[in-house]
Amino acid sequence: MNDNGSLNNMLTQNWEDKVILVVEDIDTNKIFFDAALRKTKAKIVWAMDGQEAIDKFKENDIDLVLMDLQLPVLDGYTATREIKKIDPKVPIIAQTAHVMSGEREKCMEAGCDDYLAKPIRLQILMDTLSRFLNK
């Protein structure tokens, strides 16, 4: 199968029974996630900072968290630790523009299950989400 067919298959995922918490404070990134996830029919819950992420996590039945790490109010590392205390089984995928050495390890130590470097490629995003949501 060519890459285009593979990408089309990924984009036609049906996650209408899934709820994804997207923690992101930058509008252009929110537009990307909204466009990328719209066709999957997943319910998207948005949070602008780490504290709001924790609150929204408590209020909703979340299947997966896409966690920006550089956030106002409360950073993504702290929010990840708090969410994992509430539900250690929920997958949390870190997303960050800071791809310095040691960043991935820092994410995993905080409790993240995977890591996406920005700018995030659509194919990598969908592949990663599929690994966690298609179980």
N, C-alpha and C. Protein backbone atom coordinates (compact mmCIF):
# COMPACT_ATOMS: atom_id res chain seq x y z
N MET A 1 0.85 -1.19 0.00
CA MET A 1 0.00 0.00 0.00
C MET A 1 0.89 1.24 0.00
N ASN A 2 0.54 2.23 -0.79
CA ASN A 2 1.36 3.44 -0.80
C ASN A 2 1.09 4.28 0.45
N ASP A 3 1.96 5.25 0.68
CA ASP A 3 1.84 6.07 1.88
C ASP A 3 0.52 6.83 1.93
N ASN A 4 0.05 7.26 0.76
CA ASN A 4 -1.19 8.01 0.71
C ASN A 4 -2.38 7.16 1.16
N GLY A 5 -2.44 5.91 0.72
CA GLY A 5 -3.51 5.02 1.14
C GLY A 5 -3.46 4.78 2.63
N SER A 6 -2.25 4.61 3.14
CA SER A 6 -2.06 4.40 4.57
C SER A 6 -2.55 5.62 5.35
N LEU A 7 -2.19 6.80 4.87
CA LEU A 7 -2.60 8.03 5.54
C LEU A 7 -4.12 8.17 5.49
N ASN A 8 -4.71 7.86 4.35
CA ASN A 8 -6.17 7.95 4.25
C ASN A 8 -6.84 7.01 5.24
N ASN A 9 -6.31 5.81 5.38
CA ASN A 9 -6.85 4.87 6.37
C ASN A 9 -6.75 5.45 7.78
N MET A 10 -5.61 6.06 8.07
CA MET A 10 -5.42 6.63 9.41
C MET A 10 -6.41 7.77 9.65
N LEU A 11 -6.68 8.53 8.61
CA LEU A 11 -7.56 9.69 8.78
C LEU A 11 -9.02 9.30 8.89
N THR A 12 -9.34 8.07 8.54
CA THR A 12 -10.74 7.65 8.61
C THR A 12 -11.00 6.79 9.85
N GLN A 13 -10.16 6.93 10.85
CA GLN A 13 -10.39 6.24 12.11
C GLN A 13 -11.74 6.67 12.66
N ASN A 14 -12.47 5.75 13.26
CA ASN A 14 -13.73 6.12 13.88
C ASN A 14 -13.58 5.97 15.39
N TRP A 15 -13.40 7.10 16.04
CA TRP A 15 -13.24 7.12 17.49
C TRP A 15 -14.41 7.86 18.14
N GLU A 16 -15.63 7.67 17.59
CA GLU A 16 -16.77 8.43 18.12
C GLU A 16 -17.07 8.06 19.57
N ASP A 17 -16.57 6.91 20.03
CA ASP A 17 -16.78 6.52 21.43
C ASP A 17 -15.62 6.94 22.33
N LYS A 18 -14.68 7.73 21.79
CA LYS A 18 -13.49 8.15 22.55
C LYS A 18 -13.56 9.64 22.89
N VAL A 19 -12.97 9.97 24.05
CA VAL A 19 -12.86 11.37 24.46
C VAL A 19 -11.38 11.68 24.63
N ILE A 20 -10.92 12.69 23.89
CA ILE A 20 -9.51 13.08 23.92
C ILE A 20 -9.42 14.46 24.56
N LEU A 21 -8.60 14.57 25.59
CA LEU A 21 -8.32 15.86 26.22
C LEU A 21 -7.08 16.43 25.56
N VAL A 22 -7.23 17.57 24.88
CA VAL A 22 -6.11 18.24 24.24
C VAL A 22 -5.75 19.46 25.09
N VAL A 23 -4.54 19.44 25.62
CA VAL A 23 -4.07 20.53 26.48
C VAL A 23 -3.09 21.35 25.65
N GLU A 24 -3.52 22.54 25.25
CA GLU A 24 -2.76 23.36 24.30
C GLU A 24 -3.15 24.81 24.47
N ASP A 25 -2.15 25.70 24.56
CA ASP A 25 -2.43 27.12 24.76
C ASP A 25 -2.16 27.97 23.53
N ILE A 26 -1.68 27.38 22.46
CA ILE A 26 -1.36 28.13 21.24
C ILE A 26 -2.46 27.87 20.19
N ASP A 27 -3.08 28.95 19.72
CA ASP A 27 -4.22 28.82 18.81
C ASP A 27 -3.90 28.05 17.53
N THR A 28 -2.73 28.30 16.93
CA THR A 28 -2.41 27.60 15.68
C THR A 28 -2.30 26.09 15.90
N ASN A 29 -1.78 25.69 17.05
CA ASN A 29 -1.70 24.26 17.36
C ASN A 29 -3.09 23.67 17.60
N LYS A 30 -3.96 24.46 18.22
CA LYS A 30 -5.34 24.00 18.44
C LYS A 30 -6.04 23.78 17.10
N ILE A 31 -5.80 24.67 16.15
CA ILE A 31 -6.40 24.53 14.82
C ILE A 31 -5.91 23.24 14.16
N PHE A 32 -4.62 22.96 14.29
CA PHE A 32 -4.05 21.72 13.72
C PHE A 32 -4.73 20.49 14.34
N PHE A 33 -4.81 20.44 15.66
CA PHE A 33 -5.42 19.27 16.32
C PHE A 33 -6.90 19.14 15.96
N ASP A 34 -7.58 20.27 15.91
CA ASP A 34 -9.00 20.24 15.56
C ASP A 34 -9.18 19.65 14.15
N ALA A 35 -8.39 20.13 13.20
CA ALA A 35 -8.48 19.65 11.82
C ALA A 35 -8.07 18.18 11.73
N ALA A 36 -7.02 17.80 12.44
CA ALA A 36 -6.52 16.42 12.38
C ALA A 36 -7.51 15.43 12.97
N LEU A 37 -8.21 15.83 14.02
CA LEU A 37 -9.07 14.90 14.75
C LEU A 37 -10.53 14.95 14.34
N ARG A 38 -10.92 15.96 13.60
CA ARG A 38 -12.34 16.14 13.26
C ARG A 38 -12.94 14.90 12.59
N LYS A 39 -12.24 14.33 11.61
CA LYS A 39 -12.79 13.19 10.86
C LYS A 39 -12.87 11.92 11.69
N THR A 40 -12.18 11.87 12.81
CA THR A 40 -12.20 10.66 13.64
C THR A 40 -13.48 10.56 14.46
N LYS A 41 -14.22 11.67 14.55
CA LYS A 41 -15.46 11.76 15.34
C LYS A 41 -15.23 11.64 16.84
N ALA A 42 -13.98 11.69 17.28
CA ALA A 42 -13.70 11.67 18.72
C ALA A 42 -14.24 12.96 19.33
N LYS A 43 -14.66 12.87 20.59
CA LYS A 43 -15.06 14.08 21.31
C LYS A 43 -13.78 14.72 21.83
N ILE A 44 -13.62 16.01 21.55
CA ILE A 44 -12.42 16.73 21.99
C ILE A 44 -12.79 17.65 23.14
N VAL A 45 -12.04 17.53 24.22
CA VAL A 45 -12.17 18.44 25.36
C VAL A 45 -10.89 19.26 25.37
N TRP A 46 -11.03 20.59 25.44
CA TRP A 46 -9.87 21.48 25.37
C TRP A 46 -9.53 22.04 26.74
N ALA A 47 -8.23 22.18 26.99
CA ALA A 47 -7.76 22.89 28.19
C ALA A 47 -6.60 23.79 27.76
N MET A 48 -6.53 24.97 28.38
CA MET A 48 -5.51 25.96 28.01
C MET A 48 -4.27 25.91 28.90
N ASP A 49 -4.38 25.28 30.06
CA ASP A 49 -3.23 25.22 30.97
C ASP A 49 -3.33 23.94 31.80
N GLY A 50 -2.28 23.67 32.55
CA GLY A 50 -2.22 22.43 33.31
C GLY A 50 -3.30 22.29 34.37
N GLN A 51 -3.63 23.38 35.05
CA GLN A 51 -4.68 23.30 36.08
C GLN A 51 -6.04 23.01 35.45
N GLU A 52 -6.32 23.68 34.33
CA GLU A 52 -7.58 23.43 33.63
C GLU A 52 -7.61 21.98 33.12
N ALA A 53 -6.46 21.45 32.71
CA ALA A 53 -6.39 20.05 32.25
C ALA A 53 -6.81 19.10 33.36
N ILE A 54 -6.30 19.32 34.56
CA ILE A 54 -6.66 18.47 35.71
C ILE A 54 -8.15 18.57 35.99
N ASP A 55 -8.67 19.80 35.99
CA ASP A 55 -10.11 20.01 36.25
C ASP A 55 -10.96 19.32 35.20
N LYS A 56 -10.61 19.49 33.92
CA LYS A 56 -11.39 18.88 32.84
C LYS A 56 -11.27 17.35 32.91
N PHE A 57 -10.11 16.85 33.30
CA PHE A 57 -9.94 15.40 33.42
C PHE A 57 -10.89 14.84 34.48
N LYS A 58 -11.02 15.56 35.59
CA LYS A 58 -11.92 15.12 36.67
C LYS A 58 -13.39 15.17 36.24
N GLU A 59 -13.72 16.12 35.36
CA GLU A 59 -15.12 16.33 34.96
C GLU A 59 -15.57 15.43 33.81
N ASN A 60 -14.64 14.81 33.09
CA ASN A 60 -14.98 14.04 31.89
C ASN A 60 -14.38 12.64 31.98
N ASP A 61 -14.93 11.73 31.22
CA ASP A 61 -14.41 10.37 31.13
C ASP A 61 -13.43 10.35 29.96
N ILE A 62 -12.17 10.64 30.23
CA ILE A 62 -11.15 10.85 29.20
C ILE A 62 -10.48 9.52 28.83
N ASP A 63 -10.33 9.28 27.51
CA ASP A 63 -9.66 8.07 27.03
C ASP A 63 -8.17 8.29 26.76
N LEU A 64 -7.78 9.55 26.45
CA LEU A 64 -6.40 9.84 26.11
C LEU A 64 -6.16 11.33 26.31
N VAL A 65 -4.94 11.70 26.70
CA VAL A 65 -4.58 13.10 26.88
C VAL A 65 -3.41 13.44 25.95
N LEU A 66 -3.57 14.52 25.18
CA LEU A 66 -2.47 15.11 24.42
C LEU A 66 -2.01 16.31 25.22
N MET A 67 -0.83 16.22 25.83
CA MET A 67 -0.40 17.21 26.82
C MET A 67 0.75 18.06 26.30
N ASP A 68 0.48 19.35 26.09
CA ASP A 68 1.57 20.29 25.83
C ASP A 68 2.35 20.41 27.14
N LEU A 69 3.64 20.59 27.06
CA LEU A 69 4.44 20.65 28.30
C LEU A 69 4.71 22.07 28.76
N GLN A 70 4.82 23.00 27.81
CA GLN A 70 5.08 24.40 28.15
C GLN A 70 3.75 25.13 28.24
N LEU A 71 3.22 25.24 29.46
CA LEU A 71 1.89 25.80 29.65
C LEU A 71 1.91 26.89 30.71
N PRO A 72 0.96 27.84 30.60
CA PRO A 72 0.82 28.82 31.68
C PRO A 72 0.16 28.16 32.91
N VAL A 73 0.22 28.83 34.02
CA VAL A 73 -0.41 28.45 35.30
C VAL A 73 0.25 27.22 35.91
N LEU A 74 0.16 26.08 35.24
CA LEU A 74 0.73 24.83 35.74
C LEU A 74 1.28 24.08 34.54
N ASP A 75 2.57 23.69 34.59
CA ASP A 75 3.18 23.07 33.42
C ASP A 75 2.66 21.66 33.18
N GLY A 76 2.94 21.15 31.99
CA GLY A 76 2.45 19.84 31.58
C GLY A 76 3.02 18.69 32.39
N TYR A 77 4.25 18.84 32.87
CA TYR A 77 4.84 17.77 33.68
C TYR A 77 4.05 17.58 34.97
N THR A 78 3.76 18.70 35.64
CA THR A 78 3.01 18.65 36.90
C THR A 78 1.59 18.15 36.66
N ALA A 79 0.96 18.65 35.60
CA ALA A 79 -0.40 18.22 35.28
C ALA A 79 -0.43 16.72 34.98
N THR A 80 0.58 16.21 34.27
CA THR A 80 0.66 14.78 33.96
C THR A 80 0.73 13.97 35.25
N ARG A 81 1.61 14.38 36.17
CA ARG A 81 1.74 13.65 37.44
C ARG A 81 0.41 13.61 38.18
N GLU A 82 -0.31 14.74 38.21
CA GLU A 82 -1.58 14.82 38.93
C GLU A 82 -2.64 13.94 38.26
N ILE A 83 -2.70 13.97 36.94
CA ILE A 83 -3.69 13.15 36.22
C ILE A 83 -3.38 11.67 36.43
N LYS A 84 -2.11 11.30 36.42
CA LYS A 84 -1.73 9.89 36.63
C LYS A 84 -2.07 9.42 38.04
N LYS A 85 -2.09 10.36 39.01
CA LYS A 85 -2.53 10.00 40.37
C LYS A 85 -4.02 9.65 40.37
N ILE A 86 -4.79 10.36 39.55
CA ILE A 86 -6.24 10.14 39.46
C ILE A 86 -6.51 8.83 38.71
N ASP A 87 -5.83 8.64 37.57
CA ASP A 87 -6.03 7.42 36.77
C ASP A 87 -4.70 7.04 36.10
N PRO A 88 -3.96 6.13 36.73
CA PRO A 88 -2.65 5.75 36.18
C PRO A 88 -2.71 5.05 34.83
N LYS A 89 -3.89 4.57 34.45
CA LYS A 89 -4.00 3.81 33.19
C LYS A 89 -4.24 4.70 31.97
N VAL A 90 -4.69 5.94 32.16
CA VAL A 90 -4.99 6.78 31.00
C VAL A 90 -3.69 7.13 30.26
N PRO A 91 -3.68 6.92 28.92
CA PRO A 91 -2.48 7.28 28.17
C PRO A 91 -2.33 8.80 28.06
N ILE A 92 -1.13 9.29 28.34
CA ILE A 92 -0.83 10.71 28.18
C ILE A 92 0.33 10.82 27.19
N ILE A 93 0.09 11.56 26.11
CA ILE A 93 1.10 11.76 25.08
C ILE A 93 1.58 13.20 25.17
N ALA A 94 2.86 13.36 25.48
CA ALA A 94 3.44 14.69 25.58
C ALA A 94 3.64 15.25 24.18
N GLN A 95 3.50 16.56 24.06
CA GLN A 95 3.82 17.23 22.80
C GLN A 95 4.58 18.50 23.16
N THR A 96 5.74 18.65 22.56
CA THR A 96 6.57 19.79 22.90
C THR A 96 7.47 20.21 21.75
N ALA A 97 7.74 21.49 21.68
CA ALA A 97 8.69 22.01 20.69
C ALA A 97 10.12 21.89 21.23
N HIS A 98 10.26 21.60 22.51
CA HIS A 98 11.58 21.49 23.12
C HIS A 98 12.08 20.06 22.96
N VAL A 99 12.93 19.85 21.97
CA VAL A 99 13.39 18.50 21.68
C VAL A 99 14.85 18.32 22.07
N MET A 100 15.25 18.96 23.13
CA MET A 100 16.63 18.83 23.61
C MET A 100 16.84 17.41 24.15
N SER A 101 18.08 17.03 24.21
CA SER A 101 18.36 15.70 24.76
C SER A 101 17.89 15.66 26.20
N GLY A 102 17.33 14.53 26.59
CA GLY A 102 16.83 14.39 27.95
C GLY A 102 15.36 14.75 28.08
N GLU A 103 14.80 15.42 27.09
CA GLU A 103 13.39 15.85 27.17
C GLU A 103 12.46 14.64 27.20
N ARG A 104 12.73 13.65 26.33
CA ARG A 104 11.87 12.46 26.29
C ARG A 104 11.91 11.74 27.64
N GLU A 105 13.10 11.62 28.21
CA GLU A 105 13.23 10.95 29.51
C GLU A 105 12.47 11.72 30.58
N LYS A 106 12.55 13.04 30.53
CA LYS A 106 11.84 13.88 31.50
C LYS A 106 10.32 13.67 31.37
N CYS A 107 9.85 13.55 30.13
CA CYS A 107 8.42 13.29 29.89
C CYS A 107 8.01 11.95 30.49
N MET A 108 8.83 10.93 30.23
CA MET A 108 8.49 9.59 30.72
C MET A 108 8.54 9.53 32.25
N GLU A 109 9.50 10.22 32.83
CA GLU A 109 9.59 10.27 34.31
C GLU A 109 8.34 10.91 34.91
N ALA A 110 7.77 11.88 34.21
CA ALA A 110 6.57 12.56 34.71
C ALA A 110 5.33 11.67 34.57
N GLY A 111 5.46 10.59 33.77
CA GLY A 111 4.34 9.67 33.62
C GLY A 111 3.75 9.61 32.23
N CYS A 112 4.34 10.34 31.28
CA CYS A 112 3.83 10.30 29.91
C CYS A 112 4.07 8.92 29.31
N ASP A 113 3.15 8.50 28.45
CA ASP A 113 3.25 7.20 27.80
C ASP A 113 3.95 7.27 26.45
N ASP A 114 3.98 8.46 25.86
CA ASP A 114 4.67 8.66 24.59
C ASP A 114 4.96 10.15 24.45
N TYR A 115 5.61 10.50 23.34
CA TYR A 115 6.17 11.84 23.17
C TYR A 115 6.12 12.20 21.69
N LEU A 116 5.59 13.37 21.38
CA LEU A 116 5.57 13.89 20.01
C LEU A 116 6.32 15.22 19.98
N ALA A 117 7.26 15.33 19.04
CA ALA A 117 8.01 16.58 18.88
C ALA A 117 7.28 17.49 17.89
N LYS A 118 7.17 18.76 18.26
CA LYS A 118 6.56 19.75 17.36
C LYS A 118 7.63 20.26 16.40
N PRO A 119 7.29 20.57 15.16
CA PRO A 119 5.94 20.47 14.61
C PRO A 119 5.56 19.00 14.40
N ILE A 120 4.34 18.68 14.78
CA ILE A 120 3.87 17.30 14.72
C ILE A 120 3.38 16.99 13.30
N ARG A 121 3.87 15.90 12.75
CA ARG A 121 3.39 15.45 11.43
C ARG A 121 2.11 14.66 11.63
N LEU A 122 1.17 14.90 10.74
CA LEU A 122 -0.15 14.28 10.84
C LEU A 122 -0.06 12.75 10.93
N GLN A 123 0.75 12.14 10.06
CA GLN A 123 0.88 10.68 10.04
C GLN A 123 1.37 10.16 11.39
N ILE A 124 2.35 10.84 11.97
CA ILE A 124 2.90 10.40 13.27
C ILE A 124 1.86 10.57 14.37
N LEU A 125 1.12 11.67 14.34
CA LEU A 125 0.05 11.89 15.32
C LEU A 125 -0.97 10.76 15.24
N MET A 126 -1.45 10.46 14.05
CA MET A 126 -2.49 9.44 13.90
C MET A 126 -1.97 8.05 14.25
N ASP A 127 -0.74 7.75 13.86
CA ASP A 127 -0.14 6.46 14.22
C ASP A 127 -0.07 6.30 15.74
N THR A 128 0.38 7.36 16.40
CA THR A 128 0.54 7.33 17.86
C THR A 128 -0.81 7.18 18.55
N LEU A 129 -1.79 7.97 18.14
CA LEU A 129 -3.12 7.89 18.74
C LEU A 129 -3.72 6.51 18.51
N SER A 130 -3.54 5.96 17.31
CA SER A 130 -4.09 4.63 17.00
C SER A 130 -3.54 3.56 17.93
N ARG A 131 -2.25 3.66 18.23
CA ARG A 131 -1.63 2.66 19.13
C ARG A 131 -2.33 2.61 20.47
N PHE A 132 -2.79 3.77 20.95
CA PHE A 132 -3.41 3.82 22.28
C PHE A 132 -4.92 3.66 22.25
N LEU A 133 -5.55 4.15 21.18
CA LEU A 133 -7.02 4.16 21.14
C LEU A 133 -7.62 2.91 20.49
N ASN A 134 -6.86 2.21 19.67
CA ASN A 134 -7.37 1.04 18.96
C ASN A 134 -6.98 -0.24 19.69
N LYS A 135 -7.28 -0.31 20.97
CA LYS A 135 -6.93 -1.51 21.76
C LYS A 135 -8.17 -2.35 21.97
